[in-house]
Amino acid sequence: MVERWRPNILITGAPDRTAEALDELGACMRLPVARWLPGKALDFPADASTATLILTEPSLTSLREQDQLLSWIRTDGRTVQVITITSVPLFGLIANGTFSPELYYHLNVVHFELGS
């Protein structure tokens, strides 16, 4: 399913487990791949060439950055697959107002919750 449909994927778990899962998905990713890491500016390519975006620890983004990301993903003509890895369950952040529900449901098409 992941290889054929390329849905957005949310992987939650310990950093070493999510990194392993991401490595396993590597062969299924369409190129080119862009990656966002904590502490780096959310500078996304202006054109629609990015096929896969790897988003790491989105709980560290501000609501403004989350809105920017959602706007970039929703740009007309863009067919990017977003693979999100996080050690923090994002659903709980919606309740306290620190994570966008719209972005959460966009990222959470397929959710893998990895144990420790």
PDB file of N, CA and C in Angstrom:
ATOM      1  N   MET A   1       0.819  -1.190   0.000  1.00  0.00           N
ATOM      2  CA  MET A   1       0.000   0.000   0.000  1.00  0.00           C
ATOM      3  C   MET A   1       0.869   1.263   0.000  1.00  0.00           C
ATOM      4  N   VAL A   2       1.877   1.290   0.865  1.00  0.00           N
ATOM      5  CA  VAL A   2       2.733   2.472   0.986  1.00  0.00           C
ATOM      6  C   VAL A   2       3.452   2.758  -0.325  1.00  0.00           C
ATOM      7  N   GLU A   3       3.934   1.703  -0.967  1.00  0.00           N
ATOM      8  CA  GLU A   3       4.683   1.898  -2.206  1.00  0.00           C
ATOM      9  C   GLU A   3       3.770   2.267  -3.372  1.00  0.00           C
ATOM     10  N   ARG A   4       2.591   1.680  -3.406  1.00  0.00           N
ATOM     11  CA  ARG A   4       1.691   1.923  -4.534  1.00  0.00           C
ATOM     12  C   ARG A   4       0.981   3.273  -4.433  1.00  0.00           C
ATOM     13  N   TRP A   5       0.417   3.603  -3.261  1.00  0.00           N
ATOM     14  CA  TRP A   5      -0.400   4.802  -3.115  1.00  0.00           C
ATOM     15  C   TRP A   5       0.374   6.010  -2.616  1.00  0.00           C
ATOM     16  N   ARG A   6       1.497   5.795  -1.951  1.00  0.00           N
ATOM     17  CA  ARG A   6       2.334   6.867  -1.406  1.00  0.00           C
ATOM     18  C   ARG A   6       1.543   7.856  -0.539  1.00  0.00           C
ATOM     19  N   PRO A   7       0.847   7.322   0.480  1.00  0.00           N
ATOM     20  CA  PRO A   7       0.098   8.220   1.364  1.00  0.00           C
ATOM     21  C   PRO A   7       1.040   8.975   2.295  1.00  0.00           C
ATOM     22  N   ASN A   8       0.537  10.046   2.884  1.00  0.00           N
ATOM     23  CA  ASN A   8       1.299  10.707   3.941  1.00  0.00           C
ATOM     24  C   ASN A   8       1.359   9.758   5.118  1.00  0.00           C
ATOM     25  N   ILE A   9       2.522   9.709   5.759  1.00  0.00           N
ATOM     26  CA  ILE A   9       2.763   8.739   6.835  1.00  0.00           C
ATOM     27  C   ILE A   9       3.259   9.475   8.067  1.00  0.00           C
ATOM     28  N   LEU A  10       2.674   9.136   9.212  1.00  0.00           N
ATOM     29  CA  LEU A  10       3.107   9.650  10.503  1.00  0.00           C
ATOM     30  C   LEU A  10       3.653   8.471  11.293  1.00  0.00           C
ATOM     31  N   ILE A  11       4.914   8.579  11.718  1.00  0.00           N
ATOM     32  CA  ILE A  11       5.567   7.525  12.493  1.00  0.00           C
ATOM     33  C   ILE A  11       5.907   8.105  13.861  1.00  0.00           C
ATOM     34  N   THR A  12       5.332   7.510  14.906  1.00  0.00           N
ATOM     35  CA  THR A  12       5.545   7.979  16.269  1.00  0.00           C
ATOM     36  C   THR A  12       6.287   6.917  17.060  1.00  0.00           C
ATOM     37  N   GLY A  13       7.321   7.320  17.782  1.00  0.00           N
ATOM     38  CA  GLY A  13       8.062   6.377  18.613  1.00  0.00           C
ATOM     39  C   GLY A  13       9.400   6.959  19.022  1.00  0.00           C
ATOM     40  N   ALA A  14      10.186   6.135  19.665  1.00  0.00           N
ATOM     41  CA  ALA A  14      11.526   6.542  20.086  1.00  0.00           C
ATOM     42  C   ALA A  14      12.351   6.903  18.849  1.00  0.00           C
ATOM     43  N   PRO A  15      13.246   7.890  18.975  1.00  0.00           N
ATOM     44  CA  PRO A  15      14.021   8.338  17.804  1.00  0.00           C
ATOM     45  C   PRO A  15      14.744   7.219  17.053  1.00  0.00           C
ATOM     46  N   ASP A  16      15.303   6.258  17.761  1.00  0.00           N
ATOM     47  CA  ASP A  16      16.010   5.179  17.055  1.00  0.00           C
ATOM     48  C   ASP A  16      15.046   4.300  16.266  1.00  0.00           C
ATOM     49  N   ARG A  17      13.854   4.067  16.806  1.00  0.00           N
ATOM     50  CA  ARG A  17      12.850   3.245  16.114  1.00  0.00           C
ATOM     51  C   ARG A  17      12.280   3.978  14.894  1.00  0.00           C
ATOM     52  N   THR A  18      12.026   5.284  15.036  1.00  0.00           N
ATOM     53  CA  THR A  18      11.481   6.024  13.892  1.00  0.00           C
ATOM     54  C   THR A  18      12.524   6.153  12.787  1.00  0.00           C
ATOM     55  N   ALA A  19      13.786   6.287  13.167  1.00  0.00           N
ATOM     56  CA  ALA A  19      14.865   6.350  12.170  1.00  0.00           C
ATOM     57  C   ALA A  19      14.955   5.033  11.400  1.00  0.00           C
ATOM     58  N   GLU A  20      14.826   3.908  12.101  1.00  0.00           N
ATOM     59  CA  GLU A  20      14.835   2.594  11.440  1.00  0.00           C
ATOM     60  C   GLU A  20      13.668   2.471  10.466  1.00  0.00           C
ATOM     61  N   ALA A  21      12.496   2.891  10.909  1.00  0.00           N
ATOM     62  CA  ALA A  21      11.316   2.810  10.040  1.00  0.00           C
ATOM     63  C   ALA A  21      11.494   3.683   8.802  1.00  0.00           C
ATOM     64  N   LEU A  22      12.052   4.861   8.986  1.00  0.00           N
ATOM     65  CA  LEU A  22      12.298   5.752   7.857  1.00  0.00           C
ATOM     66  C   LEU A  22      13.275   5.116   6.874  1.00  0.00           C
ATOM     67  N   ASP A  23      14.311   4.476   7.390  1.00  0.00           N
ATOM     68  CA  ASP A  23      15.268   3.783   6.517  1.00  0.00           C
ATOM     69  C   ASP A  23      14.568   2.700   5.691  1.00  0.00           C
ATOM     70  N   GLU A  24      13.640   1.976   6.322  1.00  0.00           N
ATOM     71  CA  GLU A  24      12.917   0.919   5.616  1.00  0.00           C
ATOM     72  C   GLU A  24      12.019   1.482   4.514  1.00  0.00           C
ATOM     73  N   LEU A  25      11.518   2.685   4.714  1.00  0.00           N
ATOM     74  CA  LEU A  25      10.665   3.318   3.709  1.00  0.00           C
ATOM     75  C   LEU A  25      11.460   3.956   2.577  1.00  0.00           C
ATOM     76  N   GLY A  26      12.763   4.062   2.744  1.00  0.00           N
ATOM     77  CA  GLY A  26      13.608   4.759   1.766  1.00  0.00           C
ATOM     78  C   GLY A  26      13.415   4.309   0.335  1.00  0.00           C
ATOM     79  N   ALA A  27      13.282   3.026   0.113  1.00  0.00           N
ATOM     80  CA  ALA A  27      13.134   2.511  -1.247  1.00  0.00           C
ATOM     81  C   ALA A  27      11.794   2.893  -1.871  1.00  0.00           C
ATOM     82  N   CYS A  28      10.822   3.244  -1.047  1.00  0.00           N
ATOM     83  CA  CYS A  28       9.486   3.600  -1.540  1.00  0.00           C
ATOM     84  C   CYS A  28       9.338   5.086  -1.836  1.00  0.00           C
ATOM     85  N   MET A  29      10.322   5.882  -1.464  1.00  0.00           N
ATOM     86  CA  MET A  29      10.201   7.331  -1.621  1.00  0.00           C
ATOM     87  C   MET A  29      10.473   7.754  -3.062  1.00  0.00           C
ATOM     88  N   ARG A  30       9.621   8.654  -3.543  1.00  0.00           N
ATOM     89  CA  ARG A  30       9.849   9.232  -4.868  1.00  0.00           C
ATOM     90  C   ARG A  30      10.880  10.353  -4.733  1.00  0.00           C
ATOM     91  N   LEU A  31      11.697  10.507  -5.747  1.00  0.00           N
ATOM     92  CA  LEU A  31      12.724  11.547  -5.762  1.00  0.00           C
ATOM     93  C   LEU A  31      12.210  12.760  -6.517  1.00  0.00           C
ATOM     94  N   PRO A  32      12.680  13.943  -6.206  1.00  0.00           N
ATOM     95  CA  PRO A  32      13.636  14.288  -5.167  1.00  0.00           C
ATOM     96  C   PRO A  32      12.983  14.368  -3.781  1.00  0.00           C
ATOM     97  N   VAL A  33      13.836  14.158  -2.776  1.00  0.00           N
ATOM     98  CA  VAL A  33      13.412  14.171  -1.382  1.00  0.00           C
ATOM     99  C   VAL A  33      13.966  15.421  -0.705  1.00  0.00           C
ATOM    100  N   ALA A  34      13.105  16.133   0.004  1.00  0.00           N
ATOM    101  CA  ALA A  34      13.519  17.272   0.824  1.00  0.00           C
ATOM    102  C   ALA A  34      13.343  16.865   2.274  1.00  0.00           C
ATOM    103  N   ARG A  35      14.127  17.459   3.159  1.00  0.00           N
ATOM    104  CA  ARG A  35      14.060  17.087   4.573  1.00  0.00           C
ATOM    105  C   ARG A  35      14.114  18.328   5.446  1.00  0.00           C
ATOM    106  N   TRP A  36      13.266  18.343   6.464  1.00  0.00           N
ATOM    107  CA  TRP A  36      13.316  19.399   7.467  1.00  0.00           C
ATOM    108  C   TRP A  36      13.733  18.786   8.792  1.00  0.00           C
ATOM    109  N   LEU A  37      14.724  19.408   9.417  1.00  0.00           N
ATOM    110  CA  LEU A  37      15.228  18.978  10.715  1.00  0.00           C
ATOM    111  C   LEU A  37      15.003  20.088  11.733  1.00  0.00           C
ATOM    112  N   PRO A  38      14.798  19.744  13.006  1.00  0.00           N
ATOM    113  CA  PRO A  38      14.618  20.776  14.033  1.00  0.00           C
ATOM    114  C   PRO A  38      15.790  21.754  14.040  1.00  0.00           C
ATOM    115  N   GLY A  39      15.473  23.021  14.254  1.00  0.00           N
ATOM    116  CA  GLY A  39      16.506  24.045  14.308  1.00  0.00           C
ATOM    117  C   GLY A  39      16.844  24.658  12.969  1.00  0.00           C
ATOM    118  N   LYS A  40      16.295  24.127  11.899  1.00  0.00           N
ATOM    119  CA  LYS A  40      16.534  24.673  10.561  1.00  0.00           C
ATOM    120  C   LYS A  40      15.305  25.457  10.119  1.00  0.00           C
ATOM    121  N   ALA A  41      15.528  26.441   9.292  1.00  0.00           N
ATOM    122  CA  ALA A  41      14.419  27.227   8.758  1.00  0.00           C
ATOM    123  C   ALA A  41      13.534  26.344   7.880  1.00  0.00           C
ATOM    124  N   LEU A  42      12.239  26.612   7.916  1.00  0.00           N
ATOM    125  CA  LEU A  42      11.308  25.881   7.059  1.00  0.00           C
ATOM    126  C   LEU A  42      11.286  26.539   5.683  1.00  0.00           C
ATOM    127  N   ASP A  43      12.346  26.319   4.919  1.00  0.00           N
ATOM    128  CA  ASP A  43      12.454  26.863   3.572  1.00  0.00           C
ATOM    129  C   ASP A  43      12.167  25.744   2.583  1.00  0.00           C
ATOM    130  N   PHE A  44      10.988  25.795   1.976  1.00  0.00           N
ATOM    131  CA  PHE A  44      10.587  24.745   1.059  1.00  0.00           C
ATOM    132  C   PHE A  44      10.791  25.201  -0.370  1.00  0.00           C
ATOM    133  N   PRO A  45      11.084  24.269  -1.266  1.00  0.00           N
ATOM    134  CA  PRO A  45      11.245  24.632  -2.673  1.00  0.00           C
ATOM    135  C   PRO A  45       9.984  25.307  -3.200  1.00  0.00           C
ATOM    136  N   ALA A  46      10.156  26.357  -3.998  1.00  0.00           N
ATOM    137  CA  ALA A  46       9.022  27.107  -4.530  1.00  0.00           C
ATOM    138  C   ALA A  46       8.295  26.337  -5.629  1.00  0.00           C
ATOM    139  N   ASP A  47       9.020  25.496  -6.352  1.00  0.00           N
ATOM    140  CA  ASP A  47       8.360  24.763  -7.434  1.00  0.00           C
ATOM    141  C   ASP A  47       7.769  23.460  -6.903  1.00  0.00           C
ATOM    142  N   ALA A  48       7.142  22.729  -7.766  1.00  0.00           N
ATOM    143  CA  ALA A  48       6.470  21.493  -7.362  1.00  0.00           C
ATOM    144  C   ALA A  48       7.356  20.272  -7.576  1.00  0.00           C
ATOM    145  N   SER A  49       8.665  20.453  -7.625  1.00  0.00           N
ATOM    146  CA  SER A  49       9.549  19.340  -7.947  1.00  0.00           C
ATOM    147  C   SER A  49       9.746  18.361  -6.793  1.00  0.00           C
ATOM    148  N   THR A  50       9.571  18.784  -5.547  1.00  0.00           N
ATOM    149  CA  THR A  50       9.781  17.884  -4.418  1.00  0.00           C
ATOM    150  C   THR A  50       8.690  16.827  -4.415  1.00  0.00           C
ATOM    151  N   ALA A  51       9.085  15.568  -4.449  1.00  0.00           N
ATOM    152  CA  ALA A  51       8.122  14.468  -4.464  1.00  0.00           C
ATOM    153  C   ALA A  51       7.867  13.912  -3.072  1.00  0.00           C
ATOM    154  N   THR A  52       8.888  13.981  -2.207  1.00  0.00           N
ATOM    155  CA  THR A  52       8.766  13.475  -0.838  1.00  0.00           C
ATOM    156  C   THR A  52       9.384  14.486   0.110  1.00  0.00           C
ATOM    157  N   LEU A  53       8.658  14.775   1.174  1.00  0.00           N
ATOM    158  CA  LEU A  53       9.163  15.643   2.234  1.00  0.00           C
ATOM    159  C   LEU A  53       9.231  14.826   3.511  1.00  0.00           C
ATOM    160  N   ILE A  54      10.411  14.780   4.129  1.00  0.00           N
ATOM    161  CA  ILE A  54      10.576  14.133   5.425  1.00  0.00           C
ATOM    162  C   ILE A  54      10.558  15.227   6.474  1.00  0.00           C
ATOM    163  N   LEU A  55       9.608  15.133   7.371  1.00  0.00           N
ATOM    164  CA  LEU A  55       9.414  16.124   8.418  1.00  0.00           C
ATOM    165  C   LEU A  55       9.780  15.478   9.744  1.00  0.00           C
ATOM    166  N   THR A  56      10.793  16.032  10.417  1.00  0.00           N
ATOM    167  CA  THR A  56      11.289  15.465  11.675  1.00  0.00           C
ATOM    168  C   THR A  56      10.867  16.326  12.854  1.00  0.00           C
ATOM    169  N   GLU A  57      10.279  15.695  13.850  1.00  0.00           N
ATOM    170  CA  GLU A  57       9.856  16.345  15.100  1.00  0.00           C
ATOM    171  C   GLU A  57       9.056  17.626  14.874  1.00  0.00           C
ATOM    172  N   PRO A  58       7.904  17.513  14.218  1.00  0.00           N
ATOM    173  CA  PRO A  58       7.096  18.702  13.961  1.00  0.00           C
ATOM    174  C   PRO A  58       6.550  19.358  15.233  1.00  0.00           C
ATOM    175  N   SER A  59       6.629  18.676  16.355  1.00  0.00           N
ATOM    176  CA  SER A  59       6.187  19.281  17.619  1.00  0.00           C
ATOM    177  C   SER A  59       7.043  20.489  17.983  1.00  0.00           C
ATOM    178  N   LEU A  60       8.212  20.618  17.363  1.00  0.00           N
ATOM    179  CA  LEU A  60       9.104  21.748  17.633  1.00  0.00           C
ATOM    180  C   LEU A  60       8.813  22.963  16.752  1.00  0.00           C
ATOM    181  N   THR A  61       7.808  22.860  15.894  1.00  0.00           N
ATOM    182  CA  THR A  61       7.473  23.989  15.030  1.00  0.00           C
ATOM    183  C   THR A  61       6.419  24.866  15.703  1.00  0.00           C
ATOM    184  N   SER A  62       6.457  26.138  15.374  1.00  0.00           N
ATOM    185  CA  SER A  62       5.444  27.074  15.873  1.00  0.00           C
ATOM    186  C   SER A  62       4.168  26.899  15.047  1.00  0.00           C
ATOM    187  N   LEU A  63       3.066  27.442  15.546  1.00  0.00           N
ATOM    188  CA  LEU A  63       1.815  27.403  14.783  1.00  0.00           C
ATOM    189  C   LEU A  63       1.979  28.130  13.448  1.00  0.00           C
ATOM    190  N   ARG A  64       2.750  29.198  13.434  1.00  0.00           N
ATOM    191  CA  ARG A  64       3.011  29.935  12.184  1.00  0.00           C
ATOM    192  C   ARG A  64       3.744  29.037  11.180  1.00  0.00           C
ATOM    193  N   GLU A  65       4.755  28.331  11.645  1.00  0.00           N
ATOM    194  CA  GLU A  65       5.496  27.418  10.757  1.00  0.00           C
ATOM    195  C   GLU A  65       4.590  26.288  10.280  1.00  0.00           C
ATOM    196  N   GLN A  66       3.723  25.803  11.155  1.00  0.00           N
ATOM    197  CA  GLN A  66       2.783  24.753  10.761  1.00  0.00           C
ATOM    198  C   GLN A  66       1.847  25.249   9.665  1.00  0.00           C
ATOM    199  N   ASP A  67       1.374  26.484   9.788  1.00  0.00           N
ATOM    200  CA  ASP A  67       0.519  27.070   8.756  1.00  0.00           C
ATOM    201  C   ASP A  67       1.272  27.216   7.436  1.00  0.00           C
ATOM    202  N   GLN A  68       2.548  27.609   7.503  1.00  0.00           N
ATOM    203  CA  GLN A  68       3.372  27.724   6.297  1.00  0.00           C
ATOM    204  C   GLN A  68       3.525  26.360   5.622  1.00  0.00           C
ATOM    205  N   LEU A  69       3.776  25.338   6.420  1.00  0.00           N
ATOM    206  CA  LEU A  69       3.931  23.990   5.882  1.00  0.00           C
ATOM    207  C   LEU A  69       2.642  23.529   5.213  1.00  0.00           C
ATOM    208  N   LEU A  70       1.519  23.709   5.884  1.00  0.00           N
ATOM    209  CA  LEU A  70       0.235  23.286   5.326  1.00  0.00           C
ATOM    210  C   LEU A  70      -0.064  24.030   4.027  1.00  0.00           C
ATOM    211  N   SER A  71       0.227  25.301   3.995  1.00  0.00           N
ATOM    212  CA  SER A  71       0.022  26.092   2.777  1.00  0.00           C
ATOM    213  C   SER A  71       0.898  25.568   1.647  1.00  0.00           C
ATOM    214  N   TRP A  72       2.151  25.245   1.944  1.00  0.00           N
ATOM    215  CA  TRP A  72       3.070  24.718   0.925  1.00  0.00           C
ATOM    216  C   TRP A  72       2.564  23.386   0.390  1.00  0.00           C
ATOM    217  N   ILE A  73       2.117  22.513   1.287  1.00  0.00           N
ATOM    218  CA  ILE A  73       1.622  21.194   0.875  1.00  0.00           C
ATOM    219  C   ILE A  73       0.397  21.331  -0.024  1.00  0.00           C
ATOM    220  N   ARG A  74      -0.475  22.278   0.301  1.00  0.00           N
ATOM    221  CA  ARG A  74      -1.740  22.446  -0.420  1.00  0.00           C
ATOM    222  C   ARG A  74      -1.621  23.240  -1.716  1.00  0.00           C
ATOM    223  N   THR A  75      -0.431  23.707  -2.063  1.00  0.00           N
ATOM    224  CA  THR A  75      -0.247  24.485  -3.283  1.00  0.00           C
ATOM    225  C   THR A  75      -0.756  23.692  -4.476  1.00  0.00           C
ATOM    226  N   ASP A  76      -1.517  24.365  -5.327  1.00  0.00           N
ATOM    227  CA  ASP A  76      -2.072  23.713  -6.519  1.00  0.00           C
ATOM    228  C   ASP A  76      -0.990  23.014  -7.321  1.00  0.00           C
ATOM    229  N   GLY A  77      -1.282  21.815  -7.742  1.00  0.00           N
ATOM    230  CA  GLY A  77      -0.369  21.053  -8.574  1.00  0.00           C
ATOM    231  C   GLY A  77       0.688  20.275  -7.812  1.00  0.00           C
ATOM    232  N   ARG A  78       0.759  20.464  -6.497  1.00  0.00           N
ATOM    233  CA  ARG A  78       1.779  19.782  -5.711  1.00  0.00           C
ATOM    234  C   ARG A  78       1.272  18.391  -5.301  1.00  0.00           C
ATOM    235  N   THR A  79       2.048  17.381  -5.565  1.00  0.00           N
ATOM    236  CA  THR A  79       1.703  16.015  -5.182  1.00  0.00           C
ATOM    237  C   THR A  79       2.823  15.426  -4.347  1.00  0.00           C
ATOM    238  N   VAL A  80       3.096  16.058  -3.236  1.00  0.00           N
ATOM    239  CA  VAL A  80       4.190  15.638  -2.375  1.00  0.00           C
ATOM    240  C   VAL A  80       3.682  14.654  -1.321  1.00  0.00           C
ATOM    241  N   GLN A  81       4.466  13.621  -1.081  1.00  0.00           N
ATOM    242  CA  GLN A  81       4.197  12.709   0.023  1.00  0.00           C
ATOM    243  C   GLN A  81       4.983  13.220   1.219  1.00  0.00           C
ATOM    244  N   VAL A  82       4.320  13.330   2.369  1.00  0.00           N
ATOM    245  CA  VAL A  82       4.975  13.797   3.576  1.00  0.00           C
ATOM    246  C   VAL A  82       5.128  12.615   4.519  1.00  0.00           C
ATOM    247  N   ILE A  83       6.360  12.354   4.902  1.00  0.00           N
ATOM    248  CA  ILE A  83       6.663  11.311   5.884  1.00  0.00           C
ATOM    249  C   ILE A  83       7.150  12.026   7.132  1.00  0.00           C
ATOM    250  N   THR A  84       6.406  11.865   8.209  1.00  0.00           N
ATOM    251  CA  THR A  84       6.687  12.579   9.451  1.00  0.00           C
ATOM    252  C   THR A  84       7.163  11.595  10.500  1.00  0.00           C
ATOM    253  N   ILE A  85       8.289  11.921  11.144  1.00  0.00           N
ATOM    254  CA  ILE A  85       8.762  11.100  12.261  1.00  0.00           C
ATOM    255  C   ILE A  85       8.812  11.968  13.512  1.00  0.00           C
ATOM    256  N   THR A  86       8.289  11.417  14.604  1.00  0.00           N
ATOM    257  CA  THR A  86       8.213  12.180  15.836  1.00  0.00           C
ATOM    258  C   THR A  86       8.287  11.265  17.051  1.00  0.00           C
ATOM    259  N   SER A  87       8.908  11.772  18.097  1.00  0.00           N
ATOM    260  CA  SER A  87       8.941  11.046  19.366  1.00  0.00           C
ATOM    261  C   SER A  87       7.828  11.529  20.289  1.00  0.00           C
ATOM    262  N   VAL A  88       7.145  12.602  19.888  1.00  0.00           N
ATOM    263  CA  VAL A  88       6.077  13.196  20.694  1.00  0.00           C
ATOM    264  C   VAL A  88       4.741  12.911  20.013  1.00  0.00           C
ATOM    265  N   PRO A  89       3.803  12.252  20.697  1.00  0.00           N
ATOM    266  CA  PRO A  89       2.477  12.053  20.101  1.00  0.00           C
ATOM    267  C   PRO A  89       1.830  13.407  19.802  1.00  0.00           C
ATOM    268  N   LEU A  90       1.517  13.645  18.542  1.00  0.00           N
ATOM    269  CA  LEU A  90       1.035  14.960  18.123  1.00  0.00           C
ATOM    270  C   LEU A  90      -0.418  15.216  18.502  1.00  0.00           C
ATOM    271  N   PHE A  91      -1.228  14.174  18.601  1.00  0.00           N
ATOM    272  CA  PHE A  91      -2.649  14.372  18.889  1.00  0.00           C
ATOM    273  C   PHE A  91      -2.848  15.119  20.207  1.00  0.00           C
ATOM    274  N   GLY A  92      -2.060  14.798  21.224  1.00  0.00           N
ATOM    275  CA  GLY A  92      -2.169  15.477  22.505  1.00  0.00           C
ATOM    276  C   GLY A  92      -1.833  16.955  22.429  1.00  0.00           C
ATOM    277  N   LEU A  93      -1.019  17.347  21.464  1.00  0.00           N
ATOM    278  CA  LEU A  93      -0.646  18.747  21.317  1.00  0.00           C
ATOM    279  C   LEU A  93      -1.780  19.593  20.744  1.00  0.00           C
ATOM    280  N   ILE A  94      -2.715  18.941  20.064  1.00  0.00           N
ATOM    281  CA  ILE A  94      -3.868  19.668  19.528  1.00  0.00           C
ATOM    282  C   ILE A  94      -4.708  20.206  20.686  1.00  0.00           C
ATOM    283  N   ALA A  95      -4.918  19.381  21.707  1.00  0.00           N
ATOM    284  CA  ALA A  95      -5.756  19.770  22.843  1.00  0.00           C
ATOM    285  C   ALA A  95      -5.207  20.989  23.584  1.00  0.00           C
ATOM    286  N   ASN A  96      -3.887  21.095  23.667  1.00  0.00           N
ATOM    287  CA  ASN A  96      -3.325  22.250  24.376  1.00  0.00           C
ATOM    288  C   ASN A  96      -3.022  23.430  23.442  1.00  0.00           C
ATOM    289  N   GLY A  97      -3.426  23.311  22.179  1.00  0.00           N
ATOM    290  CA  GLY A  97      -3.327  24.436  21.260  1.00  0.00           C
ATOM    291  C   GLY A  97      -1.969  24.681  20.652  1.00  0.00           C
ATOM    292  N   THR A  98      -1.048  23.717  20.762  1.00  0.00           N
ATOM    293  CA  THR A  98       0.293  23.926  20.215  1.00  0.00           C
ATOM    294  C   THR A  98       0.531  23.201  18.892  1.00  0.00           C
ATOM    295  N   PHE A  99      -0.495  22.493  18.401  1.00  0.00           N
ATOM    296  CA  PHE A  99      -0.345  21.841  17.097  1.00  0.00           C
ATOM    297  C   PHE A  99      -1.636  21.990  16.315  1.00  0.00           C
ATOM    298  N   SER A 100      -1.485  22.308  15.043  1.00  0.00           N
ATOM    299  CA  SER A 100      -2.617  22.547  14.151  1.00  0.00           C
ATOM    300  C   SER A 100      -3.380  21.258  13.862  1.00  0.00           C
ATOM    301  N   PRO A 101      -4.687  21.227  14.165  1.00  0.00           N
ATOM    302  CA  PRO A 101      -5.465  20.028  13.841  1.00  0.00           C
ATOM    303  C   PRO A 101      -5.511  19.759  12.337  1.00  0.00           C
ATOM    304  N   GLU A 102      -5.564  20.821  11.523  1.00  0.00           N
ATOM    305  CA  GLU A 102      -5.592  20.631  10.064  1.00  0.00           C
ATOM    306  C   GLU A 102      -4.315  19.950   9.576  1.00  0.00           C
ATOM    307  N   LEU A 103      -3.180  20.397  10.093  1.00  0.00           N
ATOM    308  CA  LEU A 103      -1.916  19.781   9.690  1.00  0.00           C
ATOM    309  C   LEU A 103      -1.838  18.347  10.205  1.00  0.00           C
ATOM    310  N   TYR A 104      -2.259  18.128  11.438  1.00  0.00           N
ATOM    311  CA  TYR A 104      -2.221  16.779  12.013  1.00  0.00           C
ATOM    312  C   TYR A 104      -2.986  15.796  11.123  1.00  0.00           C
ATOM    313  N   TYR A 105      -4.211  16.137  10.761  1.00  0.00           N
ATOM    314  CA  TYR A 105      -5.005  15.205   9.961  1.00  0.00           C
ATOM    315  C   TYR A 105      -4.476  15.079   8.544  1.00  0.00           C
ATOM    316  N   HIS A 106      -3.753  16.066   8.069  1.00  0.00           N
ATOM    317  CA  HIS A 106      -3.117  15.953   6.754  1.00  0.00           C
ATOM    318  C   HIS A 106      -1.920  14.998   6.811  1.00  0.00           C
ATOM    319  N   LEU A 107      -1.160  15.075   7.909  1.00  0.00           N
ATOM    320  CA  LEU A 107       0.022  14.221   8.054  1.00  0.00           C
ATOM    321  C   LEU A 107      -0.343  12.789   8.420  1.00  0.00           C
ATOM    322  N   ASN A 108      -1.480  12.606   9.066  1.00  0.00           N
ATOM    323  CA  ASN A 108      -1.851  11.341   9.686  1.00  0.00           C
ATOM    324  C   ASN A 108      -2.758  10.498   8.801  1.00  0.00           C
ATOM    325  N   VAL A 109      -2.406  10.312   7.528  1.00  0.00           N
ATOM    326  CA  VAL A 109      -3.193   9.443   6.658  1.00  0.00           C
ATOM    327  C   VAL A 109      -2.955   7.992   7.048  1.00  0.00           C
ATOM    328  N   VAL A 110      -1.699   7.638   7.217  1.00  0.00           N
ATOM    329  CA  VAL A 110      -1.305   6.325   7.748  1.00  0.00           C
ATOM    330  C   VAL A 110      -0.441   6.593   8.954  1.00  0.00           C
ATOM    331  N   HIS A 111      -0.777   5.967  10.083  1.00  0.00           N
ATOM    332  CA  HIS A 111      -0.038   6.212  11.323  1.00  0.00           C
ATOM    333  C   HIS A 111       0.555   4.911  11.820  1.00  0.00           C
ATOM    334  N   PHE A 112       1.868   4.917  12.006  1.00  0.00           N
ATOM    335  CA  PHE A 112       2.570   3.798  12.619  1.00  0.00           C
ATOM    336  C   PHE A 112       3.019   4.244  13.999  1.00  0.00           C
ATOM    337  N   GLU A 113       2.537   3.576  15.022  1.00  0.00           N
ATOM    338  CA  GLU A 113       2.958   3.878  16.383  1.00  0.00           C
ATOM    339  C   GLU A 113       3.891   2.760  16.817  1.00  0.00           C
ATOM    340  N   LEU A 114       5.165   3.101  16.992  1.00  0.00           N
ATOM    341  CA  LEU A 114       6.183   2.094  17.287  1.00  0.00           C
ATOM    342  C   LEU A 114       6.417   2.030  18.784  1.00  0.00           C
ATOM    343  N   GLY A 115       6.473   0.826  19.305  1.00  0.00           N
ATOM    344  CA  GLY A 115       6.788   0.655  20.727  1.00  0.00           C
ATOM    345  C   GLY A 115       8.244   0.907  20.998  1.00  0.00           C
ATOM    346  N   SER A 116       8.593   0.849  22.249  1.00  0.00           N
ATOM    347  CA  SER A 116       9.999   1.108  22.632  1.00  0.00           C
ATOM    348  C   SER A 116      10.878  -0.087  22.407  1.00  0.00           C
TER     349      SER A 116
END
